[in-house]
ModelCIF file with pLDDT and N, C-alpha, C, O atoms, coordinates in Angstrom:
data_MODEL
#
_entry.id   MODEL 
#
_entity.id                         1 
_entity.type                       polymer 
_entity.pdbx_number_of_molecules   1 
#
_entity_poly.entity_id                      1 
_entity_poly.type                           'polypeptide(L)' 
_entity_poly.nstd_linkage                   no 
_entity_poly.nstd_monomer                   no 
_entity_poly.pdbx_seq_one_letter_code       LPQQYQQLPDNVLFNGILDQLIQQTALAQSFTGELPPRVPLSLENE 
_entity_poly.pdbx_seq_one_letter_code_can   LPQQYQQLPDNVLFNGILDQLIQQTALAQSFTGELPPRVPLSLENE 
_entity_poly.pdbx_strand_id                 A 
#
loop_
_entity_poly_seq.entity_id 
_entity_poly_seq.num 
_entity_poly_seq.mon_id 
_entity_poly_seq.hetero 
1 1  LEU n 
1 2  PRO n 
1 3  GLN n 
1 4  GLN n 
1 5  TYR n 
1 6  GLN n 
1 7  GLN n 
1 8  LEU n 
1 9  PRO n 
1 10 ASP n 
1 11 ASN n 
1 12 VAL n 
1 13 LEU n 
1 14 PHE n 
1 15 ASN n 
1 16 GLY n 
1 17 ILE n 
1 18 LEU n 
1 19 ASP n 
1 20 GLN n 
1 21 LEU n 
1 22 ILE n 
1 23 GLN n 
1 24 GLN n 
1 25 THR n 
1 26 ALA n 
1 27 LEU n 
1 28 ALA n 
1 29 GLN n 
1 30 SER n 
1 31 PHE n 
1 32 THR n 
1 33 GLY n 
1 34 GLU n 
1 35 LEU n 
1 36 PRO n 
1 37 PRO n 
1 38 ARG n 
1 39 VAL n 
1 40 PRO n 
1 41 LEU n 
1 42 SER n 
1 43 LEU n 
1 44 GLU n 
1 45 ASN n 
1 46 GLU n 
#
_struct_asym.id          A 
_struct_asym.entity_id   1 
#
loop_
_ma_qa_metric.id 
_ma_qa_metric.mode 
_ma_qa_metric.name 
_ma_qa_metric.software_group_id 
_ma_qa_metric.type 
1 global pLDDT . pLDDT 
2 local  pLDDT . pLDDT 
#
_ma_qa_metric_global.metric_id      1 
_ma_qa_metric_global.metric_value   93.30 
_ma_qa_metric_global.model_id       1 
_ma_qa_metric_global.ordinal_id     1 
#
loop_
_ma_qa_metric_local.label_asym_id 
_ma_qa_metric_local.label_comp_id 
_ma_qa_metric_local.label_seq_id 
_ma_qa_metric_local.metric_id 
_ma_qa_metric_local.metric_value 
_ma_qa_metric_local.model_id 
_ma_qa_metric_local.ordinal_id 
A LEU 1  2 92.00 1 1  
A PRO 2  2 91.00 1 2  
A GLN 3  2 89.00 1 3  
A GLN 4  2 89.00 1 4  
A TYR 5  2 89.00 1 5  
A GLN 6  2 87.00 1 6  
A GLN 7  2 88.00 1 7  
A LEU 8  2 91.00 1 8  
A PRO 9  2 92.00 1 9  
A ASP 10 2 91.00 1 10 
A ASN 11 2 89.00 1 11 
A VAL 12 2 91.00 1 12 
A LEU 13 2 94.00 1 13 
A PHE 14 2 94.00 1 14 
A ASN 15 2 94.00 1 15 
A GLY 16 2 94.00 1 16 
A ILE 17 2 95.00 1 17 
A LEU 18 2 96.00 1 18 
A ASP 19 2 96.00 1 19 
A GLN 20 2 95.00 1 20 
A LEU 21 2 96.00 1 21 
A ILE 22 2 97.00 1 22 
A GLN 23 2 97.00 1 23 
A GLN 24 2 96.00 1 24 
A THR 25 2 96.00 1 25 
A ALA 26 2 96.00 1 26 
A LEU 27 2 96.00 1 27 
A ALA 28 2 94.00 1 28 
A GLN 29 2 94.00 1 29 
A SER 30 2 95.00 1 30 
A PHE 31 2 94.00 1 31 
A THR 32 2 92.00 1 32 
A GLY 33 2 90.00 1 33 
A GLU 34 2 92.00 1 34 
A LEU 35 2 92.00 1 35 
A PRO 36 2 92.00 1 36 
A PRO 37 2 93.00 1 37 
A ARG 38 2 93.00 1 38 
A VAL 39 2 94.00 1 39 
A PRO 40 2 94.00 1 40 
A LEU 41 2 96.00 1 41 
A SER 42 2 95.00 1 42 
A LEU 43 2 95.00 1 43 
A GLU 44 2 96.00 1 44 
A ASN 45 2 96.00 1 45 
A GLU 46 2 94.00 1 46 
#
loop_
_atom_site.group_PDB 
_atom_site.id 
_atom_site.type_symbol 
_atom_site.label_atom_id 
_atom_site.label_alt_id 
_atom_site.label_comp_id 
_atom_site.label_asym_id 
_atom_site.label_entity_id 
_atom_site.label_seq_id 
_atom_site.pdbx_PDB_ins_code 
_atom_site.Cartn_x 
_atom_site.Cartn_y 
_atom_site.Cartn_z 
_atom_site.occupancy 
_atom_site.B_iso_or_equiv 
_atom_site.pdbx_formal_charge 
_atom_site.auth_seq_id 
_atom_site.auth_comp_id 
_atom_site.auth_asym_id 
_atom_site.auth_atom_id 
_atom_site.pdbx_PDB_model_num 
ATOM 1   N N  . LEU A 1 1  ? -99.279  274.706 169.195 1.00 92.00 ? 1  LEU A N  1 
ATOM 2   C CA . LEU A 1 1  ? -99.975  274.656 167.907 1.00 92.00 ? 1  LEU A CA 1 
ATOM 3   C C  . LEU A 1 1  ? -101.045 275.744 167.841 1.00 92.00 ? 1  LEU A C  1 
ATOM 4   O O  . LEU A 1 1  ? -101.607 276.103 168.875 1.00 92.00 ? 1  LEU A O  1 
ATOM 5   N N  . PRO A 1 2  ? -101.342 276.280 166.653 1.00 91.00 ? 2  PRO A N  1 
ATOM 6   C CA . PRO A 1 2  ? -102.486 277.186 166.507 1.00 91.00 ? 2  PRO A CA 1 
ATOM 7   C C  . PRO A 1 2  ? -103.767 276.501 166.975 1.00 91.00 ? 2  PRO A C  1 
ATOM 8   O O  . PRO A 1 2  ? -103.888 275.278 166.902 1.00 91.00 ? 2  PRO A O  1 
ATOM 9   N N  . GLN A 1 3  ? -104.713 277.292 167.454 1.00 89.00 ? 3  GLN A N  1 
ATOM 10  C CA . GLN A 1 3  ? -105.923 276.753 168.051 1.00 89.00 ? 3  GLN A CA 1 
ATOM 11  C C  . GLN A 1 3  ? -106.677 275.809 167.128 1.00 89.00 ? 3  GLN A C  1 
ATOM 12  O O  . GLN A 1 3  ? -107.220 274.803 167.585 1.00 89.00 ? 3  GLN A O  1 
ATOM 13  N N  . GLN A 1 4  ? -106.720 276.119 165.831 1.00 89.00 ? 4  GLN A N  1 
ATOM 14  C CA . GLN A 1 4  ? -107.494 275.272 164.923 1.00 89.00 ? 4  GLN A CA 1 
ATOM 15  C C  . GLN A 1 4  ? -106.920 273.862 164.828 1.00 89.00 ? 4  GLN A C  1 
ATOM 16  O O  . GLN A 1 4  ? -107.658 272.903 164.603 1.00 89.00 ? 4  GLN A O  1 
ATOM 17  N N  . TYR A 1 5  ? -105.592 273.734 165.001 1.00 89.00 ? 5  TYR A N  1 
ATOM 18  C CA . TYR A 1 5  ? -104.985 272.409 164.952 1.00 89.00 ? 5  TYR A CA 1 
ATOM 19  C C  . TYR A 1 5  ? -105.184 271.649 166.262 1.00 89.00 ? 5  TYR A C  1 
ATOM 20  O O  . TYR A 1 5  ? -105.228 270.419 166.271 1.00 89.00 ? 5  TYR A O  1 
ATOM 21  N N  . GLN A 1 6  ? -105.305 272.384 167.363 1.00 87.00 ? 6  GLN A N  1 
ATOM 22  C CA . GLN A 1 6  ? -105.477 271.716 168.651 1.00 87.00 ? 6  GLN A CA 1 
ATOM 23  C C  . GLN A 1 6  ? -106.836 271.033 168.767 1.00 87.00 ? 6  GLN A C  1 
ATOM 24  O O  . GLN A 1 6  ? -107.054 270.232 169.675 1.00 87.00 ? 6  GLN A O  1 
ATOM 25  N N  . GLN A 1 7  ? -107.746 271.346 167.852 1.00 88.00 ? 7  GLN A N  1 
ATOM 26  C CA . GLN A 1 7  ? -109.059 270.719 167.877 1.00 88.00 ? 7  GLN A CA 1 
ATOM 27  C C  . GLN A 1 7  ? -109.044 269.328 167.238 1.00 88.00 ? 7  GLN A C  1 
ATOM 28  O O  . GLN A 1 7  ? -110.015 268.580 167.351 1.00 88.00 ? 7  GLN A O  1 
ATOM 29  N N  . LEU A 1 8  ? -107.940 268.986 166.568 1.00 91.00 ? 8  LEU A N  1 
ATOM 30  C CA . LEU A 1 8  ? -107.865 267.675 165.899 1.00 91.00 ? 8  LEU A CA 1 
ATOM 31  C C  . LEU A 1 8  ? -107.812 266.549 166.932 1.00 91.00 ? 8  LEU A C  1 
ATOM 32  O O  . LEU A 1 8  ? -107.378 266.767 168.064 1.00 91.00 ? 8  LEU A O  1 
ATOM 33  N N  . PRO A 1 9  ? -108.253 265.341 166.547 1.00 92.00 ? 9  PRO A N  1 
ATOM 34  C CA . PRO A 1 9  ? -108.204 264.198 167.475 1.00 92.00 ? 9  PRO A CA 1 
ATOM 35  C C  . PRO A 1 9  ? -106.773 263.932 167.950 1.00 92.00 ? 9  PRO A C  1 
ATOM 36  O O  . PRO A 1 9  ? -105.809 264.177 167.224 1.00 92.00 ? 9  PRO A O  1 
ATOM 37  N N  . ASP A 1 10 ? -106.654 263.432 169.166 1.00 91.00 ? 10 ASP A N  1 
ATOM 38  C CA . ASP A 1 10 ? -105.333 263.203 169.754 1.00 91.00 ? 10 ASP A CA 1 
ATOM 39  C C  . ASP A 1 10 ? -104.492 262.219 168.937 1.00 91.00 ? 10 ASP A C  1 
ATOM 40  O O  . ASP A 1 10 ? -103.282 262.396 168.797 1.00 91.00 ? 10 ASP A O  1 
ATOM 41  N N  . ASN A 1 11 ? -105.141 261.180 168.398 1.00 89.00 ? 11 ASN A N  1 
ATOM 42  C CA . ASN A 1 11 ? -104.346 260.207 167.639 1.00 89.00 ? 11 ASN A CA 1 
ATOM 43  C C  . ASN A 1 11 ? -103.783 260.825 166.363 1.00 89.00 ? 11 ASN A C  1 
ATOM 44  O O  . ASN A 1 11 ? -102.684 260.476 165.930 1.00 89.00 ? 11 ASN A O  1 
ATOM 45  N N  . VAL A 1 12 ? -104.538 261.742 165.764 1.00 91.00 ? 12 VAL A N  1 
ATOM 46  C CA . VAL A 1 12 ? -104.035 262.432 164.577 1.00 91.00 ? 12 VAL A CA 1 
ATOM 47  C C  . VAL A 1 12 ? -102.890 263.361 164.960 1.00 91.00 ? 12 VAL A C  1 
ATOM 48  O O  . VAL A 1 12 ? -101.860 263.394 164.287 1.00 91.00 ? 12 VAL A O  1 
ATOM 49  N N  . LEU A 1 13 ? -103.070 264.107 166.030 1.00 94.00 ? 13 LEU A N  1 
ATOM 50  C CA . LEU A 1 13 ? -102.030 265.029 166.479 1.00 94.00 ? 13 LEU A CA 1 
ATOM 51  C C  . LEU A 1 13 ? -100.766 264.284 166.896 1.00 94.00 ? 13 LEU A C  1 
ATOM 52  O O  . LEU A 1 13 ? -99.656  264.715 166.586 1.00 94.00 ? 13 LEU A O  1 
ATOM 53  N N  . PHE A 1 14 ? -100.936 263.172 167.598 1.00 94.00 ? 14 PHE A N  1 
ATOM 54  C CA . PHE A 1 14 ? -99.774  262.421 168.075 1.00 94.00 ? 14 PHE A CA 1 
ATOM 55  C C  . PHE A 1 14 ? -98.878  262.030 166.903 1.00 94.00 ? 14 PHE A C  1 
ATOM 56  O O  . PHE A 1 14 ? -97.681  262.319 166.904 1.00 94.00 ? 14 PHE A O  1 
ATOM 57  N N  . ASN A 1 15 ? -99.458  261.376 165.913 1.00 94.00 ? 15 ASN A N  1 
ATOM 58  C CA . ASN A 1 15 ? -98.663  260.933 164.772 1.00 94.00 ? 15 ASN A CA 1 
ATOM 59  C C  . ASN A 1 15 ? -98.120  262.110 163.971 1.00 94.00 ? 15 ASN A C  1 
ATOM 60  O O  . ASN A 1 15 ? -96.977  262.079 163.515 1.00 94.00 ? 15 ASN A O  1 
ATOM 61  N N  . GLY A 1 16 ? -98.931  263.141 163.802 1.00 94.00 ? 16 GLY A N  1 
ATOM 62  C CA . GLY A 1 16 ? -98.484  264.301 163.039 1.00 94.00 ? 16 GLY A CA 1 
ATOM 63  C C  . GLY A 1 16 ? -97.334  265.027 163.704 1.00 94.00 ? 16 GLY A C  1 
ATOM 64  O O  . GLY A 1 16 ? -96.370  265.415 163.045 1.00 94.00 ? 16 GLY A O  1 
ATOM 65  N N  . ILE A 1 17 ? -97.437  265.213 165.033 1.00 95.00 ? 17 ILE A N  1 
ATOM 66  C CA . ILE A 1 17 ? -96.376  265.912 165.762 1.00 95.00 ? 17 ILE A CA 1 
ATOM 67  C C  . ILE A 1 17 ? -95.092  265.088 165.757 1.00 95.00 ? 17 ILE A C  1 
ATOM 68  O O  . ILE A 1 17 ? -94.004  265.630 165.563 1.00 95.00 ? 17 ILE A O  1 
ATOM 69  N N  . LEU A 1 18 ? -95.219  263.773 165.972 1.00 96.00 ? 18 LEU A N  1 
ATOM 70  C CA . LEU A 1 18 ? -94.026  262.925 165.983 1.00 96.00 ? 18 LEU A CA 1 
ATOM 71  C C  . LEU A 1 18 ? -93.359  262.935 164.606 1.00 96.00 ? 18 LEU A C  1 
ATOM 72  O O  . LEU A 1 18 ? -92.135  263.029 164.510 1.00 96.00 ? 18 LEU A O  1 
ATOM 73  N N  . ASP A 1 19 ? -94.158  262.837 163.545 1.00 96.00 ? 19 ASP A N  1 
ATOM 74  C CA . ASP A 1 19 ? -93.596  262.888 162.193 1.00 96.00 ? 19 ASP A CA 1 
ATOM 75  C C  . ASP A 1 19 ? -92.864  264.208 161.966 1.00 96.00 ? 19 ASP A C  1 
ATOM 76  O O  . ASP A 1 19 ? -91.767  264.237 161.408 1.00 96.00 ? 19 ASP A O  1 
ATOM 77  N N  . GLN A 1 20 ? -93.488  265.299 162.408 1.00 95.00 ? 20 GLN A N  1 
ATOM 78  C CA . GLN A 1 20 ? -92.876  266.614 162.212 1.00 95.00 ? 20 GLN A CA 1 
ATOM 79  C C  . GLN A 1 20 ? -91.546  266.728 162.960 1.00 95.00 ? 20 GLN A C  1 
ATOM 80  O O  . GLN A 1 20 ? -90.567  267.238 162.415 1.00 95.00 ? 20 GLN A O  1 
ATOM 81  N N  . LEU A 1 21 ? -91.513  266.252 164.211 1.00 96.00 ? 21 LEU A N  1 
ATOM 82  C CA . LEU A 1 21 ? -90.272  266.333 164.991 1.00 96.00 ? 21 LEU A CA 1 
ATOM 83  C C  . LEU A 1 21 ? -89.182  265.437 164.390 1.00 96.00 ? 21 LEU A C  1 
ATOM 84  O O  . LEU A 1 21 ? -88.005  265.797 164.396 1.00 96.00 ? 21 LEU A O  1 
ATOM 85  N N  . ILE A 1 22 ? -89.572  264.297 163.885 1.00 97.00 ? 22 ILE A N  1 
ATOM 86  C CA . ILE A 1 22 ? -88.596  263.415 163.233 1.00 97.00 ? 22 ILE A CA 1 
ATOM 87  C C  . ILE A 1 22 ? -88.026  264.093 161.992 1.00 97.00 ? 22 ILE A C  1 
ATOM 88  O O  . ILE A 1 22 ? -86.816  264.085 161.767 1.00 97.00 ? 22 ILE A O  1 
ATOM 89  N N  . GLN A 1 23 ? -88.920  264.684 161.184 1.00 97.00 ? 23 GLN A N  1 
ATOM 90  C CA . GLN A 1 23 ? -88.465  265.363 159.970 1.00 97.00 ? 23 GLN A CA 1 
ATOM 91  C C  . GLN A 1 23 ? -87.558  266.554 160.305 1.00 97.00 ? 23 GLN A C  1 
ATOM 92  O O  . GLN A 1 23 ? -86.523  266.758 159.671 1.00 97.00 ? 23 GLN A O  1 
ATOM 93  N N  . GLN A 1 24 ? -87.967  267.332 161.311 1.00 96.00 ? 24 GLN A N  1 
ATOM 94  C CA . GLN A 1 24 ? -87.154  268.482 161.705 1.00 96.00 ? 24 GLN A CA 1 
ATOM 95  C C  . GLN A 1 24 ? -85.781  268.047 162.215 1.00 96.00 ? 24 GLN A C  1 
ATOM 96  O O  . GLN A 1 24 ? -84.769  268.684 161.923 1.00 96.00 ? 24 GLN A O  1 
ATOM 97  N N  . THR A 1 25 ? -85.762  266.957 162.978 1.00 96.00 ? 25 THR A N  1 
ATOM 98  C CA . THR A 1 25 ? -84.491  266.456 163.504 1.00 96.00 ? 25 THR A CA 1 
ATOM 99  C C  . THR A 1 25 ? -83.573  266.008 162.376 1.00 96.00 ? 25 THR A C  1 
ATOM 100 O O  . THR A 1 25 ? -82.379  266.309 162.380 1.00 96.00 ? 25 THR A O  1 
ATOM 101 N N  . ALA A 1 26 ? -84.141  265.278 161.398 1.00 96.00 ? 26 ALA A N  1 
ATOM 102 C CA . ALA A 1 26 ? -83.344  264.831 160.254 1.00 96.00 ? 26 ALA A CA 1 
ATOM 103 C C  . ALA A 1 26 ? -82.824  266.029 159.460 1.00 96.00 ? 26 ALA A C  1 
ATOM 104 O O  . ALA A 1 26 ? -81.668  266.038 159.037 1.00 96.00 ? 26 ALA A O  1 
ATOM 105 N N  . LEU A 1 27 ? -83.663  267.027 159.258 1.00 96.00 ? 27 LEU A N  1 
ATOM 106 C CA . LEU A 1 27 ? -83.239  268.227 158.537 1.00 96.00 ? 27 LEU A CA 1 
ATOM 107 C C  . LEU A 1 27 ? -82.156  268.980 159.304 1.00 96.00 ? 27 LEU A C  1 
ATOM 108 O O  . LEU A 1 27 ? -81.174  269.444 158.724 1.00 96.00 ? 27 LEU A O  1 
ATOM 109 N N  . ALA A 1 28 ? -82.354  269.093 160.628 1.00 94.00 ? 28 ALA A N  1 
ATOM 110 C CA . ALA A 1 28 ? -81.373  269.811 161.451 1.00 94.00 ? 28 ALA A CA 1 
ATOM 111 C C  . ALA A 1 28 ? -80.015  269.121 161.407 1.00 94.00 ? 28 ALA A C  1 
ATOM 112 O O  . ALA A 1 28 ? -78.976  269.779 161.350 1.00 94.00 ? 28 ALA A O  1 
ATOM 113 N N  . GLN A 1 29 ? -80.032  267.786 161.436 1.00 94.00 ? 29 GLN A N  1 
ATOM 114 C CA . GLN A 1 29 ? -78.769  267.048 161.392 1.00 94.00 ? 29 GLN A CA 1 
ATOM 115 C C  . GLN A 1 29 ? -78.085  267.165 160.030 1.00 94.00 ? 29 GLN A C  1 
ATOM 116 O O  . GLN A 1 29 ? -76.866  267.033 159.919 1.00 94.00 ? 29 GLN A O  1 
ATOM 117 N N  . SER A 1 30 ? -78.881  267.411 159.012 1.00 95.00 ? 30 SER A N  1 
ATOM 118 C CA . SER A 1 30 ? -78.294  267.505 157.671 1.00 95.00 ? 30 SER A CA 1 
ATOM 119 C C  . SER A 1 30 ? -77.632  268.856 157.433 1.00 95.00 ? 30 SER A C  1 
ATOM 120 O O  . SER A 1 30 ? -76.856  269.016 156.491 1.00 95.00 ? 30 SER A O  1 
ATOM 121 N N  . PHE A 1 31 ? -77.943  269.832 158.294 1.00 94.00 ? 31 PHE A N  1 
ATOM 122 C CA . PHE A 1 31 ? -77.414  271.177 158.081 1.00 94.00 ? 31 PHE A CA 1 
ATOM 123 C C  . PHE A 1 31 ? -75.963  271.245 158.561 1.00 94.00 ? 31 PHE A C  1 
ATOM 124 O O  . PHE A 1 31 ? -75.670  270.976 159.726 1.00 94.00 ? 31 PHE A O  1 
ATOM 125 N N  . THR A 1 32 ? -75.081  271.602 157.667 1.00 92.00 ? 32 THR A N  1 
ATOM 126 C CA . THR A 1 32 ? -73.657  271.668 158.016 1.00 92.00 ? 32 THR A CA 1 
ATOM 127 C C  . THR A 1 32 ? -73.069  273.060 157.798 1.00 92.00 ? 32 THR A C  1 
ATOM 128 O O  . THR A 1 32 ? -71.884  273.287 158.041 1.00 92.00 ? 32 THR A O  1 
ATOM 129 N N  . GLY A 1 33 ? -73.914  273.994 157.335 1.00 90.00 ? 33 GLY A N  1 
ATOM 130 C CA . GLY A 1 33 ? -73.416  275.337 157.077 1.00 90.00 ? 33 GLY A CA 1 
ATOM 131 C C  . GLY A 1 33 ? -73.336  276.175 158.342 1.00 90.00 ? 33 GLY A C  1 
ATOM 132 O O  . GLY A 1 33 ? -73.533  275.682 159.453 1.00 90.00 ? 33 GLY A O  1 
ATOM 133 N N  . GLU A 1 34 ? -73.041  277.448 158.145 1.00 92.00 ? 34 GLU A N  1 
ATOM 134 C CA . GLU A 1 34 ? -72.971  278.387 159.261 1.00 92.00 ? 34 GLU A CA 1 
ATOM 135 C C  . GLU A 1 34 ? -74.346  279.033 159.458 1.00 92.00 ? 34 GLU A C  1 
ATOM 136 O O  . GLU A 1 34 ? -74.952  279.532 158.510 1.00 92.00 ? 34 GLU A O  1 
ATOM 137 N N  . LEU A 1 35 ? -74.817  279.015 160.683 1.00 92.00 ? 35 LEU A N  1 
ATOM 138 C CA . LEU A 1 35 ? -76.140  279.573 160.965 1.00 92.00 ? 35 LEU A CA 1 
ATOM 139 C C  . LEU A 1 35 ? -76.139  281.083 160.752 1.00 92.00 ? 35 LEU A C  1 
ATOM 140 O O  . LEU A 1 35 ? -75.211  281.763 161.192 1.00 92.00 ? 35 LEU A O  1 
ATOM 141 N N  . PRO A 1 36 ? -77.161  281.622 160.085 1.00 92.00 ? 36 PRO A N  1 
ATOM 142 C CA . PRO A 1 36 ? -77.258  283.079 159.952 1.00 92.00 ? 36 PRO A CA 1 
ATOM 143 C C  . PRO A 1 36 ? -77.558  283.694 161.321 1.00 92.00 ? 36 PRO A C  1 
ATOM 144 O O  . PRO A 1 36 ? -78.098  283.009 162.190 1.00 92.00 ? 36 PRO A O  1 
ATOM 145 N N  . PRO A 1 37 ? -77.223  284.964 161.531 1.00 93.00 ? 37 PRO A N  1 
ATOM 146 C CA . PRO A 1 37 ? -77.414  285.601 162.836 1.00 93.00 ? 37 PRO A CA 1 
ATOM 147 C C  . PRO A 1 37 ? -78.837  285.517 163.371 1.00 93.00 ? 37 PRO A C  1 
ATOM 148 O O  . PRO A 1 37 ? -79.040  285.490 164.585 1.00 93.00 ? 37 PRO A O  1 
ATOM 149 N N  . ARG A 1 38 ? -79.848  285.473 162.461 1.00 93.00 ? 38 ARG A N  1 
ATOM 150 C CA . ARG A 1 38 ? -81.229  285.471 162.927 1.00 93.00 ? 38 ARG A CA 1 
ATOM 151 C C  . ARG A 1 38 ? -81.571  284.234 163.753 1.00 93.00 ? 38 ARG A C  1 
ATOM 152 O O  . ARG A 1 38 ? -82.484  284.285 164.577 1.00 93.00 ? 38 ARG A O  1 
ATOM 153 N N  . VAL A 1 39 ? -80.854  283.117 163.551 1.00 94.00 ? 39 VAL A N  1 
ATOM 154 C CA . VAL A 1 39 ? -81.180  281.904 164.292 1.00 94.00 ? 39 VAL A CA 1 
ATOM 155 C C  . VAL A 1 39 ? -80.813  282.034 165.767 1.00 94.00 ? 39 VAL A C  1 
ATOM 156 O O  . VAL A 1 39 ? -81.690  281.874 166.614 1.00 94.00 ? 39 VAL A O  1 
ATOM 157 N N  . PRO A 1 40 ? -79.535  282.322 166.119 1.00 94.00 ? 40 PRO A N  1 
ATOM 158 C CA . PRO A 1 40 ? -79.238  282.501 167.545 1.00 94.00 ? 40 PRO A CA 1 
ATOM 159 C C  . PRO A 1 40 ? -79.995  283.681 168.158 1.00 94.00 ? 40 PRO A C  1 
ATOM 160 O O  . PRO A 1 40 ? -80.360  283.637 169.332 1.00 94.00 ? 40 PRO A O  1 
ATOM 161 N N  . LEU A 1 41 ? -80.232  284.736 167.371 1.00 96.00 ? 41 LEU A N  1 
ATOM 162 C CA . LEU A 1 41 ? -81.000  285.870 167.889 1.00 96.00 ? 41 LEU A CA 1 
ATOM 163 C C  . LEU A 1 41 ? -82.426  285.445 168.228 1.00 96.00 ? 41 LEU A C  1 
ATOM 164 O O  . LEU A 1 41 ? -82.974  285.845 169.255 1.00 96.00 ? 41 LEU A O  1 
ATOM 165 N N  . SER A 1 42 ? -83.022  284.634 167.361 1.00 95.00 ? 42 SER A N  1 
ATOM 166 C CA . SER A 1 42 ? -84.377  284.138 167.613 1.00 95.00 ? 42 SER A CA 1 
ATOM 167 C C  . SER A 1 42 ? -84.408  283.258 168.857 1.00 95.00 ? 42 SER A C  1 
ATOM 168 O O  . SER A 1 42 ? -85.334  283.332 169.665 1.00 95.00 ? 42 SER A O  1 
ATOM 169 N N  . LEU A 1 43 ? -83.368  282.413 169.000 1.00 95.00 ? 43 LEU A N  1 
ATOM 170 C CA . LEU A 1 43 ? -83.296  281.549 170.181 1.00 95.00 ? 43 LEU A CA 1 
ATOM 171 C C  . LEU A 1 43 ? -83.151  282.369 171.454 1.00 95.00 ? 43 LEU A C  1 
ATOM 172 O O  . LEU A 1 43 ? -83.762  282.048 172.474 1.00 95.00 ? 43 LEU A O  1 
ATOM 173 N N  . GLU A 1 44 ? -82.348  283.423 171.400 1.00 96.00 ? 44 GLU A N  1 
ATOM 174 C CA . GLU A 1 44 ? -82.180  284.295 172.575 1.00 96.00 ? 44 GLU A CA 1 
ATOM 175 C C  . GLU A 1 44 ? -83.491  284.992 172.935 1.00 96.00 ? 44 GLU A C  1 
ATOM 176 O O  . GLU A 1 44 ? -83.863  285.069 174.106 1.00 96.00 ? 44 GLU A O  1 
ATOM 177 N N  . ASN A 1 45 ? -84.187  285.498 171.915 1.00 96.00 ? 45 ASN A N  1 
ATOM 178 C CA . ASN A 1 45 ? -85.475  286.144 172.171 1.00 96.00 ? 45 ASN A CA 1 
ATOM 179 C C  . ASN A 1 45 ? -86.486  285.169 172.754 1.00 96.00 ? 45 ASN A C  1 
ATOM 180 O O  . ASN A 1 45 ? -87.219  285.507 173.683 1.00 96.00 ? 45 ASN A O  1 
ATOM 181 N N  . GLU A 1 46 ? -86.522  283.964 172.208 1.00 94.00 ? 46 GLU A N  1 
ATOM 182 C CA . GLU A 1 46 ? -87.470  282.960 172.699 1.00 94.00 ? 46 GLU A CA 1 
ATOM 183 C C  . GLU A 1 46 ? -87.149  282.578 174.140 1.00 94.00 ? 46 GLU A C  1 
ATOM 184 O O  . GLU A 1 46 ? -87.839  281.745 174.726 1.00 94.00 ? 46 GLU A O  1 
#
């Protein structure tokens, strides 16, 4: 997380991060198209 967000209380971060991961997971599962080249390229770079 960016530094300014890491200053938030742990209980706020815990719920916020879990909500975000749940939302991202639901969105990822909903995707049925073909990934553009930038996605695997970004994963390789990371």
